[in-house]
């Protein structure tokens, strides 16, 4: 499964490290990553992938990232890539 993970919030150290570490713990591979800081706000989007035999469902990944977002003080969302790409087609 491919998923899109977005992270938005006040910039501070440790956001990329925290998110990438949690994804690794969940057996989620980061395929592509883009991040920017705009007027003190951190913005990151990642294309991720889980193995076909992944033990963690999207719901599990979303729950873990929501919990991490609260801890880091940012908003983290994960959704199936097909849904994200359909919603953001021009």
N, C-alpha and C. Protein backbone atom coordinates (compact mmCIF):
# COMPACT_ATOMS: atom_id res chain seq x y z
N UNK A 1 0.84 -1.18 0.00
CA UNK A 1 0.00 0.00 0.00
C UNK A 1 0.88 1.24 0.00
N UNK A 2 0.48 2.21 -0.78
CA UNK A 2 1.14 3.51 -0.75
C UNK A 2 0.28 4.49 0.03
N UNK A 3 0.94 5.35 0.79
CA UNK A 3 0.24 6.34 1.59
C UNK A 3 0.96 7.67 1.48
N UNK A 4 0.20 8.75 1.69
CA UNK A 4 0.76 10.09 1.76
C UNK A 4 0.67 10.54 3.21
N UNK A 5 1.80 10.99 3.74
CA UNK A 5 1.85 11.50 5.11
C UNK A 5 2.17 12.99 5.02
N UNK A 6 1.36 13.82 5.66
CA UNK A 6 1.60 15.25 5.71
C UNK A 6 1.81 15.67 7.16
N UNK A 7 2.72 16.63 7.34
CA UNK A 7 3.03 17.15 8.68
C UNK A 7 3.04 18.66 8.59
N UNK A 8 2.28 19.31 9.45
CA UNK A 8 2.20 20.78 9.48
C UNK A 8 2.23 21.24 10.92
N UNK A 9 3.02 22.28 11.20
CA UNK A 9 3.03 22.85 12.54
C UNK A 9 4.17 23.83 12.72
N UNK A 10 4.24 24.38 13.91
CA UNK A 10 5.31 25.30 14.24
C UNK A 10 6.65 24.58 14.12
N UNK A 11 7.62 25.22 13.46
CA UNK A 11 8.91 24.59 13.25
C UNK A 11 9.65 24.41 14.57
N UNK A 12 10.30 23.27 14.71
CA UNK A 12 11.18 22.99 15.84
C UNK A 12 12.03 21.79 15.50
N UNK A 13 13.10 21.60 16.23
CA UNK A 13 13.97 20.47 15.95
C UNK A 13 13.29 19.15 16.31
N UNK A 14 13.64 18.12 15.58
CA UNK A 14 13.18 16.78 15.90
C UNK A 14 11.96 16.29 15.17
N UNK A 15 11.33 17.13 14.35
CA UNK A 15 10.11 16.70 13.67
C UNK A 15 10.41 15.60 12.65
N UNK A 16 11.36 15.85 11.76
CA UNK A 16 11.68 14.86 10.73
C UNK A 16 12.18 13.57 11.38
N UNK A 17 13.04 13.71 12.38
CA UNK A 17 13.58 12.53 13.07
C UNK A 17 12.46 11.74 13.74
N UNK A 18 11.55 12.43 14.40
CA UNK A 18 10.46 11.75 15.10
C UNK A 18 9.54 11.00 14.16
N UNK A 19 9.15 11.67 13.07
CA UNK A 19 8.23 11.05 12.11
C UNK A 19 8.90 9.88 11.40
N UNK A 20 10.13 10.07 10.93
CA UNK A 20 10.80 8.99 10.21
C UNK A 20 11.08 7.80 11.13
N UNK A 21 11.42 8.05 12.38
CA UNK A 21 11.63 6.95 13.33
C UNK A 21 10.35 6.17 13.55
N UNK A 22 9.23 6.88 13.75
CA UNK A 22 7.95 6.19 13.99
C UNK A 22 7.55 5.38 12.77
N UNK A 23 7.75 5.92 11.56
CA UNK A 23 7.41 5.17 10.36
C UNK A 23 8.26 3.92 10.24
N UNK A 24 9.54 4.02 10.58
CA UNK A 24 10.42 2.84 10.56
C UNK A 24 9.91 1.78 11.53
N UNK A 25 9.50 2.20 12.72
CA UNK A 25 8.97 1.26 13.72
C UNK A 25 7.71 0.56 13.21
N UNK A 26 6.95 1.23 12.35
CA UNK A 26 5.72 0.68 11.80
C UNK A 26 5.95 -0.09 10.49
N UNK A 27 7.22 -0.26 10.08
CA UNK A 27 7.60 -0.95 8.85
C UNK A 27 7.06 -0.22 7.62
N UNK A 28 7.11 1.11 7.68
CA UNK A 28 6.69 1.95 6.56
C UNK A 28 7.94 2.58 5.96
N UNK A 29 8.10 2.43 4.65
CA UNK A 29 9.26 2.97 3.95
C UNK A 29 8.93 4.32 3.32
N UNK A 30 9.80 5.30 3.50
CA UNK A 30 9.63 6.62 2.88
C UNK A 30 10.22 6.55 1.48
N UNK A 31 9.39 6.76 0.47
CA UNK A 31 9.82 6.71 -0.92
C UNK A 31 10.31 8.08 -1.38
N UNK A 32 9.58 9.12 -1.00
CA UNK A 32 9.92 10.48 -1.41
C UNK A 32 9.51 11.42 -0.28
N UNK A 33 10.27 12.50 -0.14
CA UNK A 33 9.99 13.44 0.94
C UNK A 33 10.30 14.86 0.47
N UNK A 34 9.44 15.78 0.86
CA UNK A 34 9.65 17.19 0.56
C UNK A 34 9.26 17.97 1.81
N UNK A 35 10.08 18.94 2.16
CA UNK A 35 9.75 19.76 3.33
C UNK A 35 10.16 21.19 3.09
N UNK A 36 9.46 22.09 3.72
CA UNK A 36 9.78 23.51 3.63
C UNK A 36 9.34 24.19 4.92
N UNK A 37 9.92 25.33 5.17
CA UNK A 37 9.52 26.15 6.31
C UNK A 37 9.06 27.48 5.75
N UNK A 38 7.81 27.82 6.03
CA UNK A 38 7.23 29.06 5.55
C UNK A 38 6.82 29.91 6.74
N UNK A 39 7.52 31.03 6.92
CA UNK A 39 7.21 31.97 7.99
C UNK A 39 7.12 31.27 9.36
N UNK A 40 8.06 30.36 9.60
CA UNK A 40 8.12 29.67 10.88
C UNK A 40 7.27 28.42 10.99
N UNK A 41 6.51 28.10 9.93
CA UNK A 41 5.68 26.90 9.95
C UNK A 41 6.33 25.80 9.11
N UNK A 42 6.45 24.66 9.71
CA UNK A 42 7.04 23.48 9.09
C UNK A 42 5.98 22.77 8.27
N UNK A 43 6.31 22.42 7.03
CA UNK A 43 5.42 21.69 6.13
C UNK A 43 6.20 20.54 5.51
N UNK A 44 5.67 19.34 5.61
CA UNK A 44 6.34 18.18 5.03
C UNK A 44 5.30 17.25 4.42
N UNK A 45 5.66 16.68 3.28
CA UNK A 45 4.81 15.68 2.64
C UNK A 45 5.71 14.52 2.24
N UNK A 46 5.22 13.31 2.49
CA UNK A 46 6.00 12.11 2.18
C UNK A 46 5.13 11.10 1.45
N UNK A 47 5.71 10.48 0.44
CA UNK A 47 5.10 9.32 -0.19
C UNK A 47 5.72 8.11 0.50
N UNK A 48 4.89 7.26 1.04
CA UNK A 48 5.36 6.11 1.80
C UNK A 48 4.76 4.83 1.24
N UNK A 49 5.37 3.71 1.63
CA UNK A 49 4.91 2.42 1.14
C UNK A 49 5.09 1.37 2.23
N UNK A 50 4.13 0.47 2.32
CA UNK A 50 4.24 -0.66 3.22
C UNK A 50 4.38 -1.93 2.39
N UNK A 51 5.04 -2.94 2.93
CA UNK A 51 5.13 -4.20 2.18
C UNK A 51 3.76 -4.84 2.01
N UNK A 52 3.64 -5.68 1.02
CA UNK A 52 2.36 -6.37 0.75
C UNK A 52 1.86 -7.15 1.97
N UNK A 53 2.80 -7.71 2.73
CA UNK A 53 2.42 -8.52 3.89
C UNK A 53 2.50 -7.72 5.19
N UNK A 54 2.30 -6.41 5.10
CA UNK A 54 2.45 -5.54 6.27
C UNK A 54 1.49 -5.95 7.38
N UNK A 55 2.02 -5.93 8.61
CA UNK A 55 1.19 -6.28 9.78
C UNK A 55 0.34 -5.11 10.24
N UNK A 56 0.76 -3.88 9.88
CA UNK A 56 0.04 -2.69 10.31
C UNK A 56 -0.87 -2.17 9.20
N UNK A 57 -2.12 -1.95 9.53
CA UNK A 57 -3.07 -1.38 8.57
C UNK A 57 -2.92 0.13 8.56
N UNK A 58 -3.56 0.78 7.62
CA UNK A 58 -3.53 2.24 7.55
C UNK A 58 -4.09 2.84 8.83
N UNK A 59 -5.11 2.23 9.41
CA UNK A 59 -5.68 2.72 10.67
C UNK A 59 -4.65 2.71 11.79
N UNK A 60 -3.85 1.67 11.86
CA UNK A 60 -2.80 1.57 12.88
C UNK A 60 -1.76 2.67 12.67
N UNK A 61 -1.35 2.86 11.42
CA UNK A 61 -0.36 3.90 11.11
C UNK A 61 -0.92 5.28 11.45
N UNK A 62 -2.17 5.53 11.07
CA UNK A 62 -2.80 6.82 11.37
C UNK A 62 -2.85 7.07 12.87
N UNK A 63 -3.23 6.08 13.63
CA UNK A 63 -3.31 6.23 15.08
C UNK A 63 -1.96 6.53 15.71
N UNK A 64 -0.94 5.81 15.27
CA UNK A 64 0.41 6.03 15.80
C UNK A 64 0.92 7.42 15.44
N UNK A 65 0.64 7.88 14.22
CA UNK A 65 1.10 9.20 13.80
C UNK A 65 0.31 10.31 14.48
N UNK A 66 -0.97 10.10 14.73
CA UNK A 66 -1.76 11.09 15.47
C UNK A 66 -1.20 11.27 16.88
N UNK A 67 -0.88 10.16 17.52
CA UNK A 67 -0.30 10.19 18.86
C UNK A 67 1.04 10.93 18.85
N UNK A 68 1.86 10.64 17.86
CA UNK A 68 3.16 11.31 17.74
C UNK A 68 2.98 12.80 17.48
N UNK A 69 2.01 13.16 16.64
CA UNK A 69 1.75 14.56 16.34
C UNK A 69 1.42 15.35 17.59
N UNK A 70 0.62 14.78 18.47
CA UNK A 70 0.29 15.45 19.74
C UNK A 70 1.55 15.66 20.57
N UNK A 71 2.41 14.67 20.58
CA UNK A 71 3.65 14.74 21.34
C UNK A 71 4.60 15.81 20.78
N UNK A 72 4.66 15.89 19.44
CA UNK A 72 5.56 16.85 18.79
C UNK A 72 4.95 18.24 18.62
N UNK A 73 3.65 18.36 18.83
CA UNK A 73 2.98 19.64 18.66
C UNK A 73 2.74 20.00 17.20
N UNK A 74 2.54 18.99 16.36
CA UNK A 74 2.25 19.21 14.94
C UNK A 74 1.05 18.36 14.55
N UNK A 75 0.49 18.66 13.39
CA UNK A 75 -0.61 17.86 12.87
C UNK A 75 -0.05 16.90 11.82
N UNK A 76 -0.26 15.61 12.05
CA UNK A 76 0.22 14.60 11.11
C UNK A 76 -0.99 13.83 10.59
N UNK A 77 -1.07 13.75 9.27
CA UNK A 77 -2.16 13.00 8.64
C UNK A 77 -1.56 11.96 7.69
N UNK A 78 -2.21 10.83 7.64
CA UNK A 78 -1.82 9.77 6.71
C UNK A 78 -3.07 9.30 5.99
N UNK A 79 -2.98 9.19 4.68
CA UNK A 79 -4.11 8.66 3.93
C UNK A 79 -3.61 7.88 2.73
N UNK A 80 -4.48 7.02 2.27
CA UNK A 80 -4.13 6.18 1.12
C UNK A 80 -3.75 7.09 -0.04
N UNK A 81 -2.69 6.76 -0.74
CA UNK A 81 -2.18 7.60 -1.83
C UNK A 81 -3.22 7.82 -2.92
N UNK A 82 -3.99 6.79 -3.26
CA UNK A 82 -4.99 6.93 -4.32
C UNK A 82 -6.02 8.00 -3.97
N UNK A 83 -6.44 8.03 -2.72
CA UNK A 83 -7.42 9.02 -2.28
C UNK A 83 -6.80 10.42 -2.31
N UNK A 84 -5.59 10.54 -1.77
CA UNK A 84 -4.91 11.84 -1.75
C UNK A 84 -4.73 12.38 -3.16
N UNK A 85 -4.23 11.55 -4.07
CA UNK A 85 -3.98 12.00 -5.43
C UNK A 85 -5.26 12.35 -6.17
N UNK A 86 -6.34 11.61 -5.92
CA UNK A 86 -7.64 11.94 -6.54
C UNK A 86 -8.16 13.28 -6.03
N UNK A 87 -7.98 13.55 -4.76
CA UNK A 87 -8.46 14.80 -4.16
C UNK A 87 -7.66 16.01 -4.63
N UNK A 88 -6.41 15.80 -5.01
CA UNK A 88 -5.55 16.93 -5.34
C UNK A 88 -5.19 17.02 -6.82
N UNK A 89 -6.00 16.41 -7.67
CA UNK A 89 -5.79 16.53 -9.12
C UNK A 89 -6.30 17.87 -9.58
N UNK A 90 -5.56 18.45 -10.49
CA UNK A 90 -5.98 19.76 -11.04
C UNK A 90 -6.69 19.53 -12.35
